[in-house]
Amino acid sequence: MRKCSADKSRIDLQLKAIEDYQKALETIAGTHKKLDEEREHWNAKRLSKDLGPAIVSLGNAAVSVNKAF
């Protein structure tokens, strides 16, 4: 039973990492779209404010994938 529990924990961690990776891809797509829409109106402060959460999200997804695989 212990091995099953360990396997389940590992699989759950990997599934979470896959979900995080999929969300990261969505974040990248959305960020690229925003950058394209704002390319003529860039303001470093606003850009940092708008993209900051996405950048943190990508970092978190990278950590999740790294831990799982």
PDB file of N, CA and C in Angstrom:
ATOM      1  N   MET A   1       0.830  -1.202   0.000  1.00  0.00           N
ATOM      2  CA  MET A   1       0.000   0.000   0.000  1.00  0.00           C
ATOM      3  C   MET A   1       0.868   1.258   0.000  1.00  0.00           C
ATOM      4  N   ARG A   2       2.022   1.195   0.698  1.00  0.00           N
ATOM      5  CA  ARG A   2       2.899   2.361   0.752  1.00  0.00           C
ATOM      6  C   ARG A   2       3.360   2.781  -0.637  1.00  0.00           C
ATOM      7  N   LYS A   3       3.730   1.791  -1.465  1.00  0.00           N
ATOM      8  CA  LYS A   3       4.197   2.104  -2.811  1.00  0.00           C
ATOM      9  C   LYS A   3       3.094   2.757  -3.625  1.00  0.00           C
ATOM     10  N   CYS A   4       1.875   2.271  -3.480  1.00  0.00           N
ATOM     11  CA  CYS A   4       0.741   2.867  -4.194  1.00  0.00           C
ATOM     12  C   CYS A   4       0.556   4.321  -3.784  1.00  0.00           C
ATOM     13  N   SER A   5       0.661   4.587  -2.506  1.00  0.00           N
ATOM     14  CA  SER A   5       0.508   5.959  -2.017  1.00  0.00           C
ATOM     15  C   SER A   5       1.620   6.851  -2.558  1.00  0.00           C
ATOM     16  N   ALA A   6       2.837   6.332  -2.580  1.00  0.00           N
ATOM     17  CA  ALA A   6       3.960   7.109  -3.111  1.00  0.00           C
ATOM     18  C   ALA A   6       3.777   7.361  -4.602  1.00  0.00           C
ATOM     19  N   ASP A   7       3.331   6.335  -5.314  1.00  0.00           N
ATOM     20  CA  ASP A   7       3.080   6.495  -6.748  1.00  0.00           C
ATOM     21  C   ASP A   7       1.984   7.520  -6.995  1.00  0.00           C
ATOM     22  N   LYS A   8       0.923   7.456  -6.196  1.00  0.00           N
ATOM     23  CA  LYS A   8      -0.182   8.408  -6.358  1.00  0.00           C
ATOM     24  C   LYS A   8       0.307   9.824  -6.098  1.00  0.00           C
ATOM     25  N   SER A   9       1.106  10.012  -5.079  1.00  0.00           N
ATOM     26  CA  SER A   9       1.633  11.343  -4.769  1.00  0.00           C
ATOM     27  C   SER A   9       2.472  11.871  -5.924  1.00  0.00           C
ATOM     28  N   ARG A  10       3.312  11.000  -6.485  1.00  0.00           N
ATOM     29  CA  ARG A  10       4.170  11.406  -7.602  1.00  0.00           C
ATOM     30  C   ARG A  10       3.321  11.745  -8.826  1.00  0.00           C
ATOM     31  N   ILE A  11       2.332  10.923  -9.105  1.00  0.00           N
ATOM     32  CA  ILE A  11       1.454  11.157 -10.255  1.00  0.00           C
ATOM     33  C   ILE A  11       0.650  12.440 -10.057  1.00  0.00           C
ATOM     34  N   ASP A  12       0.134  12.656  -8.857  1.00  0.00           N
ATOM     35  CA  ASP A  12      -0.603  13.888  -8.570  1.00  0.00           C
ATOM     36  C   ASP A  12       0.279  15.113  -8.793  1.00  0.00           C
ATOM     37  N   LEU A  13       1.535  15.025  -8.358  1.00  0.00           N
ATOM     38  CA  LEU A  13       2.476  16.120  -8.543  1.00  0.00           C
ATOM     39  C   LEU A  13       2.725  16.377 -10.029  1.00  0.00           C
ATOM     40  N   GLN A  14       2.857  15.304 -10.797  1.00  0.00           N
ATOM     41  CA  GLN A  14       3.075  15.447 -12.234  1.00  0.00           C
ATOM     42  C   GLN A  14       1.846  16.014 -12.938  1.00  0.00           C
ATOM     43  N   LEU A  15       0.663  15.580 -12.528  1.00  0.00           N
ATOM     44  CA  LEU A  15      -0.561  16.124 -13.129  1.00  0.00           C
ATOM     45  C   LEU A  15      -0.696  17.613 -12.838  1.00  0.00           C
ATOM     46  N   LYS A  16      -0.362  18.013 -11.621  1.00  0.00           N
ATOM     47  CA  LYS A  16      -0.384  19.435 -11.267  1.00  0.00           C
ATOM     48  C   LYS A  16       0.613  20.207 -12.121  1.00  0.00           C
ATOM     49  N   ALA A  17       1.780  19.643 -12.322  1.00  0.00           N
ATOM     50  CA  ALA A  17       2.800  20.291 -13.147  1.00  0.00           C
ATOM     51  C   ALA A  17       2.314  20.444 -14.589  1.00  0.00           C
ATOM     52  N   ILE A  18       1.632  19.438 -15.103  1.00  0.00           N
ATOM     53  CA  ILE A  18       1.089  19.509 -16.460  1.00  0.00           C
ATOM     54  C   ILE A  18       0.051  20.620 -16.554  1.00  0.00           C
ATOM     55  N   GLU A  19      -0.831  20.699 -15.561  1.00  0.00           N
ATOM     56  CA  GLU A  19      -1.833  21.772 -15.541  1.00  0.00           C
ATOM     57  C   GLU A  19      -1.150  23.140 -15.474  1.00  0.00           C
ATOM     58  N   ASP A  20      -0.136  23.252 -14.632  1.00  0.00           N
ATOM     59  CA  ASP A  20       0.595  24.518 -14.515  1.00  0.00           C
ATOM     60  C   ASP A  20       1.271  24.885 -15.833  1.00  0.00           C
ATOM     61  N   TYR A  21       1.806  23.889 -16.525  1.00  0.00           N
ATOM     62  CA  TYR A  21       2.460  24.120 -17.812  1.00  0.00           C
ATOM     63  C   TYR A  21       1.438  24.600 -18.842  1.00  0.00           C
ATOM     64  N   GLN A  22       0.258  23.975 -18.860  1.00  0.00           N
ATOM     65  CA  GLN A  22      -0.791  24.393 -19.790  1.00  0.00           C
ATOM     66  C   GLN A  22      -1.215  25.835 -19.501  1.00  0.00           C
ATOM     67  N   LYS A  23      -1.349  26.177 -18.223  1.00  0.00           N
ATOM     68  CA  LYS A  23      -1.693  27.553 -17.860  1.00  0.00           C
ATOM     69  C   LYS A  23      -0.583  28.513 -18.276  1.00  0.00           C
ATOM     70  N   ALA A  24       0.665  28.066 -18.149  1.00  0.00           N
ATOM     71  CA  ALA A  24       1.799  28.900 -18.553  1.00  0.00           C
ATOM     72  C   ALA A  24       1.738  29.194 -20.046  1.00  0.00           C
ATOM     73  N   LEU A  25       1.402  28.192 -20.836  1.00  0.00           N
ATOM     74  CA  LEU A  25       1.286  28.406 -22.285  1.00  0.00           C
ATOM     75  C   LEU A  25       0.175  29.408 -22.597  1.00  0.00           C
ATOM     76  N   GLU A  26      -0.931  29.313 -21.871  1.00  0.00           N
ATOM     77  CA  GLU A  26      -2.017  30.284 -22.048  1.00  0.00           C
ATOM     78  C   GLU A  26      -1.553  31.682 -21.650  1.00  0.00           C
ATOM     79  N   THR A  27      -0.783  31.761 -20.575  1.00  0.00           N
ATOM     80  CA  THR A  27      -0.252  33.049 -20.119  1.00  0.00           C
ATOM     81  C   THR A  27       0.674  33.645 -21.169  1.00  0.00           C
ATOM     82  N   ILE A  28       1.529  32.815 -21.737  1.00  0.00           N
ATOM     83  CA  ILE A  28       2.448  33.300 -22.773  1.00  0.00           C
ATOM     84  C   ILE A  28       1.668  33.826 -23.971  1.00  0.00           C
ATOM     85  N   ALA A  29       0.656  33.093 -24.391  1.00  0.00           N
ATOM     86  CA  ALA A  29      -0.153  33.529 -25.535  1.00  0.00           C
ATOM     87  C   ALA A  29      -0.845  34.856 -25.230  1.00  0.00           C
ATOM     88  N   GLY A  30      -1.430  34.957 -24.057  1.00  0.00           N
ATOM     89  CA  GLY A  30      -2.113  36.198 -23.675  1.00  0.00           C
ATOM     90  C   GLY A  30      -1.150  37.367 -23.554  1.00  0.00           C
ATOM     91  N   THR A  31       0.028  37.099 -23.030  1.00  0.00           N
ATOM     92  CA  THR A  31       1.023  38.155 -22.871  1.00  0.00           C
ATOM     93  C   THR A  31       1.519  38.630 -24.227  1.00  0.00           C
ATOM     94  N   HIS A  32       1.750  37.706 -25.138  1.00  0.00           N
ATOM     95  CA  HIS A  32       2.171  38.093 -26.484  1.00  0.00           C
ATOM     96  C   HIS A  32       1.108  38.957 -27.157  1.00  0.00           C
ATOM     97  N   LYS A  33      -0.147  38.577 -26.962  1.00  0.00           N
ATOM     98  CA  LYS A  33      -1.241  39.366 -27.549  1.00  0.00           C
ATOM     99  C   LYS A  33      -1.249  40.776 -26.961  1.00  0.00           C
ATOM    100  N   LYS A  34      -1.097  40.863 -25.652  1.00  0.00           N
ATOM    101  CA  LYS A  34      -1.094  42.176 -24.990  1.00  0.00           C
ATOM    102  C   LYS A  34       0.087  43.014 -25.470  1.00  0.00           C
ATOM    103  N   LEU A  35       1.247  42.399 -25.587  1.00  0.00           N
ATOM    104  CA  LEU A  35       2.422  43.124 -26.071  1.00  0.00           C
ATOM    105  C   LEU A  35       2.190  43.636 -27.485  1.00  0.00           C
ATOM    106  N   ASP A  36       1.588  42.806 -28.321  1.00  0.00           N
ATOM    107  CA  ASP A  36       1.300  43.224 -29.696  1.00  0.00           C
ATOM    108  C   ASP A  36       0.318  44.390 -29.715  1.00  0.00           C
ATOM    109  N   GLU A  37      -0.727  44.309 -28.898  1.00  0.00           N
ATOM    110  CA  GLU A  37      -1.732  45.377 -28.855  1.00  0.00           C
ATOM    111  C   GLU A  37      -1.154  46.687 -28.327  1.00  0.00           C
ATOM    112  N   GLU A  38      -0.195  46.597 -27.434  1.00  0.00           N
ATOM    113  CA  GLU A  38       0.356  47.787 -26.774  1.00  0.00           C
ATOM    114  C   GLU A  38       1.680  48.251 -27.378  1.00  0.00           C
ATOM    115  N   ARG A  39       2.107  47.662 -28.481  1.00  0.00           N
ATOM    116  CA  ARG A  39       3.448  47.929 -29.000  1.00  0.00           C
ATOM    117  C   ARG A  39       3.698  49.403 -29.317  1.00  0.00           C
ATOM    118  N   GLU A  40       2.668  50.136 -29.650  1.00  0.00           N
ATOM    119  CA  GLU A  40       2.833  51.564 -29.973  1.00  0.00           C
ATOM    120  C   GLU A  40       2.650  52.458 -28.745  1.00  0.00           C
ATOM    121  N   HIS A  41       2.260  51.868 -27.626  1.00  0.00           N
ATOM    122  CA  HIS A  41       1.921  52.660 -26.441  1.00  0.00           C
ATOM    123  C   HIS A  41       2.669  52.193 -25.203  1.00  0.00           C
ATOM    124  N   TRP A  42       3.839  51.639 -25.378  1.00  0.00           N
ATOM    125  CA  TRP A  42       4.573  51.103 -24.238  1.00  0.00           C
ATOM    126  C   TRP A  42       4.990  52.170 -23.261  1.00  0.00           C
ATOM    127  N   ASN A  43       4.760  51.862 -22.031  1.00  0.00           N
ATOM    128  CA  ASN A  43       5.210  52.668 -20.916  1.00  0.00           C
ATOM    129  C   ASN A  43       5.802  51.653 -19.948  1.00  0.00           C
ATOM    130  N   ALA A  44       7.077  51.780 -19.648  1.00  0.00           N
ATOM    131  CA  ALA A  44       7.767  50.751 -18.863  1.00  0.00           C
ATOM    132  C   ALA A  44       7.068  50.465 -17.538  1.00  0.00           C
ATOM    133  N   LYS A  45       6.618  51.510 -16.856  1.00  0.00           N
ATOM    134  CA  LYS A  45       5.966  51.321 -15.553  1.00  0.00           C
ATOM    135  C   LYS A  45       4.664  50.540 -15.710  1.00  0.00           C
ATOM    136  N   ARG A  46       3.852  50.934 -16.673  1.00  0.00           N
ATOM    137  CA  ARG A  46       2.567  50.270 -16.896  1.00  0.00           C
ATOM    138  C   ARG A  46       2.779  48.842 -17.383  1.00  0.00           C
ATOM    139  N   LEU A  47       3.733  48.669 -18.284  1.00  0.00           N
ATOM    140  CA  LEU A  47       4.026  47.351 -18.810  1.00  0.00           C
ATOM    141  C   LEU A  47       4.453  46.409 -17.687  1.00  0.00           C
ATOM    142  N   SER A  48       5.296  46.906 -16.807  1.00  0.00           N
ATOM    143  CA  SER A  48       5.749  46.111 -15.670  1.00  0.00           C
ATOM    144  C   SER A  48       4.576  45.748 -14.774  1.00  0.00           C
ATOM    145  N   LYS A  49       3.707  46.714 -14.522  1.00  0.00           N
ATOM    146  CA  LYS A  49       2.531  46.474 -13.676  1.00  0.00           C
ATOM    147  C   LYS A  49       1.595  45.457 -14.320  1.00  0.00           C
ATOM    148  N   ASP A  50       1.356  45.613 -15.619  1.00  0.00           N
ATOM    149  CA  ASP A  50       0.426  44.729 -16.318  1.00  0.00           C
ATOM    150  C   ASP A  50       0.965  43.315 -16.483  1.00  0.00           C
ATOM    151  N   LEU A  51       2.263  43.199 -16.725  1.00  0.00           N
ATOM    152  CA  LEU A  51       2.836  41.883 -17.016  1.00  0.00           C
ATOM    153  C   LEU A  51       3.447  41.207 -15.795  1.00  0.00           C
ATOM    154  N   GLY A  52       3.611  41.942 -14.717  1.00  0.00           N
ATOM    155  CA  GLY A  52       4.222  41.384 -13.512  1.00  0.00           C
ATOM    156  C   GLY A  52       3.573  40.094 -13.036  1.00  0.00           C
ATOM    157  N   PRO A  53       2.244  40.063 -12.887  1.00  0.00           N
ATOM    158  CA  PRO A  53       1.599  38.821 -12.430  1.00  0.00           C
ATOM    159  C   PRO A  53       1.831  37.653 -13.387  1.00  0.00           C
ATOM    160  N   ALA A  54       1.843  37.924 -14.686  1.00  0.00           N
ATOM    161  CA  ALA A  54       2.079  36.851 -15.654  1.00  0.00           C
ATOM    162  C   ALA A  54       3.496  36.307 -15.514  1.00  0.00           C
ATOM    163  N   ILE A  55       4.443  37.192 -15.278  1.00  0.00           N
ATOM    164  CA  ILE A  55       5.833  36.775 -15.118  1.00  0.00           C
ATOM    165  C   ILE A  55       5.978  35.900 -13.870  1.00  0.00           C
ATOM    166  N   VAL A  56       5.335  36.284 -12.792  1.00  0.00           N
ATOM    167  CA  VAL A  56       5.366  35.478 -11.564  1.00  0.00           C
ATOM    168  C   VAL A  56       4.721  34.118 -11.814  1.00  0.00           C
ATOM    169  N   SER A  57       3.612  34.113 -12.520  1.00  0.00           N
ATOM    170  CA  SER A  57       2.907  32.874 -12.840  1.00  0.00           C
ATOM    171  C   SER A  57       3.797  31.928 -13.650  1.00  0.00           C
ATOM    172  N   LEU A  58       4.523  32.467 -14.616  1.00  0.00           N
ATOM    173  CA  LEU A  58       5.422  31.639 -15.415  1.00  0.00           C
ATOM    174  C   LEU A  58       6.535  31.055 -14.550  1.00  0.00           C
ATOM    175  N   GLY A  59       7.047  31.859 -13.644  1.00  0.00           N
ATOM    176  CA  GLY A  59       8.082  31.371 -12.731  1.00  0.00           C
ATOM    177  C   GLY A  59       7.571  30.236 -11.863  1.00  0.00           C
ATOM    178  N   ASN A  60       6.360  30.389 -11.358  1.00  0.00           N
ATOM    179  CA  ASN A  60       5.762  29.339 -10.524  1.00  0.00           C
ATOM    180  C   ASN A  60       5.544  28.050 -11.319  1.00  0.00           C
ATOM    181  N   ALA A  61       5.120  28.191 -12.570  1.00  0.00           N
ATOM    182  CA  ALA A  61       4.908  27.012 -13.416  1.00  0.00           C
ATOM    183  C   ALA A  61       6.230  26.305 -13.673  1.00  0.00           C
ATOM    184  N   ALA A  62       7.279  27.072 -13.897  1.00  0.00           N
ATOM    185  CA  ALA A  62       8.600  26.470 -14.125  1.00  0.00           C
ATOM    186  C   ALA A  62       9.057  25.676 -12.904  1.00  0.00           C
ATOM    187  N   VAL A  63       8.842  26.220 -11.729  1.00  0.00           N
ATOM    188  CA  VAL A  63       9.220  25.517 -10.490  1.00  0.00           C
ATOM    189  C   VAL A  63       8.408  24.227 -10.362  1.00  0.00           C
ATOM    190  N   SER A  64       7.120  24.298 -10.638  1.00  0.00           N
ATOM    191  CA  SER A  64       6.242  23.137 -10.521  1.00  0.00           C
ATOM    192  C   SER A  64       6.694  22.019 -11.456  1.00  0.00           C
ATOM    193  N   VAL A  65       6.986  22.364 -12.703  1.00  0.00           N
ATOM    194  CA  VAL A  65       7.422  21.360 -13.687  1.00  0.00           C
ATOM    195  C   VAL A  65       8.782  20.789 -13.266  1.00  0.00           C
ATOM    196  N   ASN A  66       9.657  21.647 -12.816  1.00  0.00           N
ATOM    197  CA  ASN A  66      10.988  21.192 -12.395  1.00  0.00           C
ATOM    198  C   ASN A  66      10.909  20.204 -11.225  1.00  0.00           C
ATOM    199  N   LYS A  67      10.028  20.462 -10.278  1.00  0.00           N
ATOM    200  CA  LYS A  67       9.872  19.563  -9.133  1.00  0.00           C
ATOM    201  C   LYS A  67       9.287  18.212  -9.552  1.00  0.00           C
ATOM    202  N   ALA A  68       8.370  18.240 -10.485  1.00  0.00           N
ATOM    203  CA  ALA A  68       7.653  17.021 -10.862  1.00  0.00           C
ATOM    204  C   ALA A  68       8.440  16.125 -11.794  1.00  0.00           C
ATOM    205  N   PHE A  69       9.285  16.722 -12.589  1.00  0.00           N
ATOM    206  CA  PHE A  69       9.989  15.916 -13.577  1.00  0.00           C
ATOM    207  C   PHE A  69      11.472  16.049 -13.405  1.00  0.00           C
TER     208      PHE A  69
END
